[in-house]
């Protein structure tokens, strides 16, 4: 089945390089992905250290059901799911 990628021309593709995404989604690299909650906490901490210079962060994270999501995290912890890549199974 494999992961579901955004189609060519979809605005979500502007958030990552396809070559980087291939490495991120490789099942052998799953241990490198942050959990959903961990990604939010990490993004908030990183943005707090920049004194408001970063308005949001985009992260591929691992959900409890093994799905990989591309999320955007705002400075106060607001989260928007940009894409669900699925599980790769």
N, C-alpha and C. Protein backbone atom coordinates (compact mmCIF):
# COMPACT_ATOMS: atom_id res chain seq x y z
N UNK A 1 0.83 -1.20 0.00
CA UNK A 1 0.00 0.00 0.00
C UNK A 1 0.87 1.25 0.00
N UNK A 2 1.75 1.45 0.96
CA UNK A 2 2.66 2.59 0.98
C UNK A 2 2.04 3.85 1.53
N UNK A 3 2.86 4.88 1.64
CA UNK A 3 2.41 6.17 2.14
C UNK A 3 1.67 6.92 1.06
N UNK A 4 0.78 7.80 1.48
CA UNK A 4 0.01 8.64 0.57
C UNK A 4 0.69 10.00 0.52
N UNK A 5 1.20 10.38 -0.64
CA UNK A 5 1.87 11.66 -0.80
C UNK A 5 0.91 12.68 -1.40
N UNK A 6 1.09 13.95 -1.07
CA UNK A 6 0.25 14.98 -1.69
C UNK A 6 0.50 15.00 -3.19
N UNK A 7 -0.54 15.22 -3.97
CA UNK A 7 -0.35 15.25 -5.43
C UNK A 7 0.50 16.44 -5.86
N UNK A 8 1.10 16.32 -7.02
CA UNK A 8 1.90 17.41 -7.59
C UNK A 8 1.01 18.65 -7.68
N UNK A 9 1.56 19.77 -7.25
CA UNK A 9 0.83 21.03 -7.27
C UNK A 9 0.07 21.33 -5.99
N UNK A 10 -0.02 20.35 -5.09
CA UNK A 10 -0.72 20.57 -3.81
C UNK A 10 0.13 21.50 -2.95
N UNK A 11 -0.48 22.49 -2.26
CA UNK A 11 0.29 23.45 -1.47
C UNK A 11 1.10 22.84 -0.33
N UNK A 12 0.72 21.66 0.15
CA UNK A 12 1.47 21.01 1.23
C UNK A 12 2.89 20.66 0.78
N UNK A 13 3.08 20.44 -0.49
CA UNK A 13 4.42 20.09 -0.99
C UNK A 13 5.43 21.21 -0.79
N UNK A 14 4.96 22.42 -0.56
CA UNK A 14 5.87 23.54 -0.32
C UNK A 14 6.52 23.46 1.06
N UNK A 15 6.05 22.57 1.92
CA UNK A 15 6.54 22.47 3.29
C UNK A 15 7.72 21.52 3.45
N UNK A 16 8.11 20.81 2.39
CA UNK A 16 9.21 19.86 2.50
C UNK A 16 9.79 19.56 1.13
N UNK A 17 11.01 19.04 1.16
CA UNK A 17 11.65 18.55 -0.06
C UNK A 17 11.31 17.07 -0.19
N UNK A 18 10.99 16.63 -1.37
CA UNK A 18 10.60 15.23 -1.56
C UNK A 18 11.72 14.26 -1.18
N UNK A 19 12.97 14.63 -1.43
CA UNK A 19 14.08 13.74 -1.06
C UNK A 19 14.19 13.60 0.45
N UNK A 20 13.96 14.70 1.18
CA UNK A 20 13.97 14.64 2.65
C UNK A 20 12.80 13.81 3.16
N UNK A 21 11.66 13.96 2.51
CA UNK A 21 10.48 13.21 2.93
C UNK A 21 10.68 11.71 2.76
N UNK A 22 11.35 11.31 1.71
CA UNK A 22 11.60 9.88 1.50
C UNK A 22 12.40 9.30 2.66
N UNK A 23 13.36 10.04 3.17
CA UNK A 23 14.14 9.59 4.33
C UNK A 23 13.27 9.56 5.58
N UNK A 24 12.49 10.60 5.77
CA UNK A 24 11.63 10.70 6.96
C UNK A 24 10.62 9.55 7.02
N UNK A 25 10.04 9.21 5.88
CA UNK A 25 8.99 8.19 5.85
C UNK A 25 9.52 6.77 5.74
N UNK A 26 10.81 6.61 5.53
CA UNK A 26 11.38 5.26 5.46
C UNK A 26 11.13 4.54 6.79
N UNK A 27 10.48 3.37 6.75
CA UNK A 27 10.18 2.64 8.00
C UNK A 27 11.41 2.38 8.87
N UNK A 28 12.58 2.31 8.28
CA UNK A 28 13.80 2.10 9.07
C UNK A 28 14.15 3.31 9.92
N UNK A 29 13.54 4.45 9.62
CA UNK A 29 13.84 5.69 10.35
C UNK A 29 12.72 6.10 11.30
N UNK A 30 11.77 5.22 11.55
CA UNK A 30 10.63 5.57 12.40
C UNK A 30 11.08 6.01 13.79
N UNK A 31 12.18 5.46 14.27
CA UNK A 31 12.67 5.83 15.61
C UNK A 31 13.15 7.28 15.68
N UNK A 32 13.36 7.91 14.56
CA UNK A 32 13.79 9.31 14.53
C UNK A 32 12.63 10.30 14.62
N UNK A 33 11.42 9.83 14.37
CA UNK A 33 10.26 10.72 14.39
C UNK A 33 9.83 11.04 15.81
N UNK A 34 9.43 12.27 16.02
CA UNK A 34 8.86 12.65 17.31
C UNK A 34 7.41 12.20 17.36
N UNK A 35 6.94 11.95 18.57
CA UNK A 35 5.52 11.67 18.73
C UNK A 35 4.75 12.96 18.49
N UNK A 36 3.46 12.83 18.34
CA UNK A 36 2.59 14.00 18.13
C UNK A 36 2.77 15.01 19.26
N UNK A 37 2.62 14.57 20.49
CA UNK A 37 2.76 15.47 21.64
C UNK A 37 4.18 16.00 21.77
N UNK A 38 5.16 15.13 21.54
CA UNK A 38 6.56 15.56 21.61
C UNK A 38 6.88 16.61 20.58
N UNK A 39 6.32 16.48 19.38
CA UNK A 39 6.56 17.46 18.31
C UNK A 39 5.99 18.82 18.69
N UNK A 40 4.80 18.81 19.31
CA UNK A 40 4.18 20.07 19.72
C UNK A 40 5.01 20.73 20.82
N UNK A 41 5.41 19.97 21.80
CA UNK A 41 6.21 20.52 22.90
C UNK A 41 7.54 21.05 22.40
N UNK A 42 8.19 20.31 21.53
CA UNK A 42 9.48 20.71 20.99
C UNK A 42 9.35 22.00 20.16
N UNK A 43 8.31 22.06 19.34
CA UNK A 43 8.11 23.25 18.51
C UNK A 43 7.85 24.48 19.37
N UNK A 44 7.00 24.34 20.39
CA UNK A 44 6.72 25.47 21.28
C UNK A 44 7.99 25.94 21.97
N UNK A 45 8.80 25.00 22.45
CA UNK A 45 10.05 25.37 23.14
C UNK A 45 11.00 26.08 22.18
N UNK A 46 11.13 25.57 20.96
CA UNK A 46 12.01 26.21 19.97
C UNK A 46 11.53 27.62 19.63
N UNK A 47 10.23 27.78 19.47
CA UNK A 47 9.70 29.12 19.13
C UNK A 47 9.85 30.09 20.30
N UNK A 48 9.70 29.61 21.52
CA UNK A 48 9.88 30.48 22.69
C UNK A 48 11.31 31.00 22.79
N UNK A 49 12.27 30.20 22.34
CA UNK A 49 13.68 30.63 22.40
C UNK A 49 14.02 31.68 21.35
N UNK A 50 13.15 31.89 20.38
CA UNK A 50 13.46 32.85 19.31
C UNK A 50 12.77 34.19 19.50
N UNK A 51 12.15 34.42 20.64
CA UNK A 51 11.50 35.70 20.94
C UNK A 51 10.53 36.15 19.85
N UNK A 52 9.72 35.21 19.35
CA UNK A 52 8.69 35.55 18.38
C UNK A 52 9.14 35.67 16.95
N UNK A 53 10.38 35.34 16.66
CA UNK A 53 10.87 35.45 15.29
C UNK A 53 10.33 34.33 14.40
N UNK A 54 9.92 33.21 14.99
CA UNK A 54 9.34 32.11 14.23
C UNK A 54 7.84 32.10 14.51
N UNK A 55 7.04 32.16 13.47
CA UNK A 55 5.58 32.25 13.63
C UNK A 55 4.92 30.87 13.66
N UNK A 56 5.56 29.87 13.08
CA UNK A 56 5.04 28.50 13.13
C UNK A 56 6.14 27.55 12.69
N UNK A 57 5.94 26.27 13.04
CA UNK A 57 6.88 25.23 12.63
C UNK A 57 6.09 24.09 12.01
N UNK A 58 6.67 23.48 10.98
CA UNK A 58 6.06 22.34 10.31
C UNK A 58 6.90 21.11 10.60
N UNK A 59 6.22 20.04 11.05
CA UNK A 59 6.92 18.84 11.52
C UNK A 59 6.18 17.60 11.05
N UNK A 60 6.93 16.57 10.63
CA UNK A 60 6.34 15.25 10.41
C UNK A 60 6.47 14.50 11.73
N UNK A 61 5.35 13.99 12.23
CA UNK A 61 5.36 13.31 13.52
C UNK A 61 4.68 11.94 13.41
N UNK A 62 4.88 11.16 14.45
CA UNK A 62 4.34 9.81 14.51
C UNK A 62 3.15 9.79 15.46
N UNK A 63 2.02 9.31 14.98
CA UNK A 63 0.83 9.19 15.80
C UNK A 63 0.80 7.82 16.48
N UNK A 64 -0.03 7.68 17.50
CA UNK A 64 -0.11 6.43 18.26
C UNK A 64 -0.57 5.26 17.39
N UNK A 65 -1.31 5.52 16.33
CA UNK A 65 -1.78 4.46 15.44
C UNK A 65 -0.79 4.18 14.30
N UNK A 66 0.42 4.69 14.41
CA UNK A 66 1.52 4.50 13.46
C UNK A 66 1.40 5.36 12.20
N UNK A 67 0.44 6.28 12.15
CA UNK A 67 0.35 7.18 11.02
C UNK A 67 1.41 8.27 11.14
N UNK A 68 1.85 8.75 9.99
CA UNK A 68 2.77 9.89 9.95
C UNK A 68 1.98 11.09 9.47
N UNK A 69 1.97 12.15 10.29
CA UNK A 69 1.25 13.37 9.96
C UNK A 69 2.23 14.51 9.77
N UNK A 70 1.91 15.39 8.84
CA UNK A 70 2.59 16.67 8.71
C UNK A 70 1.72 17.67 9.45
N UNK A 71 2.28 18.28 10.51
CA UNK A 71 1.51 19.24 11.30
C UNK A 71 2.21 20.59 11.31
N UNK A 72 1.43 21.62 11.52
CA UNK A 72 1.95 22.97 11.70
C UNK A 72 1.61 23.38 13.13
N UNK A 73 2.62 23.82 13.87
CA UNK A 73 2.44 24.21 15.27
C UNK A 73 2.66 25.72 15.38
N UNK A 74 1.71 26.40 16.02
CA UNK A 74 1.81 27.83 16.24
C UNK A 74 2.53 28.13 17.55
N UNK A 75 2.86 29.37 17.81
CA UNK A 75 3.65 29.76 18.98
C UNK A 75 2.96 29.49 20.32
N UNK A 76 1.65 29.41 20.34
CA UNK A 76 0.94 29.11 21.60
C UNK A 76 0.49 27.66 21.67
N UNK A 77 0.97 26.85 20.73
CA UNK A 77 0.66 25.42 20.76
C UNK A 77 -0.52 25.01 19.92
N UNK A 78 -1.09 25.93 19.16
CA UNK A 78 -2.16 25.55 18.24
C UNK A 78 -1.61 24.63 17.16
N UNK A 79 -2.37 23.60 16.82
CA UNK A 79 -1.90 22.60 15.85
C UNK A 79 -2.89 22.48 14.70
N UNK A 80 -2.33 22.39 13.51
CA UNK A 80 -3.16 22.17 12.32
C UNK A 80 -2.55 21.00 11.56
N UNK A 81 -3.36 19.98 11.30
CA UNK A 81 -2.89 18.85 10.49
C UNK A 81 -2.91 19.28 9.04
N UNK A 82 -1.73 19.22 8.39
CA UNK A 82 -1.63 19.60 7.00
C UNK A 82 -1.81 18.41 6.06
N UNK A 83 -1.32 17.24 6.52
CA UNK A 83 -1.42 16.04 5.67
C UNK A 83 -1.27 14.78 6.52
N UNK A 84 -1.99 13.75 6.15
CA UNK A 84 -1.84 12.43 6.76
C UNK A 84 -1.22 11.52 5.71
N UNK A 85 0.02 11.11 5.96
CA UNK A 85 0.72 10.23 5.01
C UNK A 85 0.28 8.78 5.17
N UNK A 86 -0.43 8.46 6.24
CA UNK A 86 -0.84 7.08 6.50
C UNK A 86 0.25 6.31 7.23
N UNK A 87 0.17 4.99 7.18
CA UNK A 87 1.08 4.15 7.95
C UNK A 87 2.18 3.52 7.10
N UNK A 88 2.04 3.51 5.82
CA UNK A 88 3.05 2.88 4.97
C UNK A 88 2.85 1.39 4.82
N UNK A 89 1.84 0.86 5.45
CA UNK A 89 1.56 -0.59 5.32
C UNK A 89 0.71 -0.89 4.13
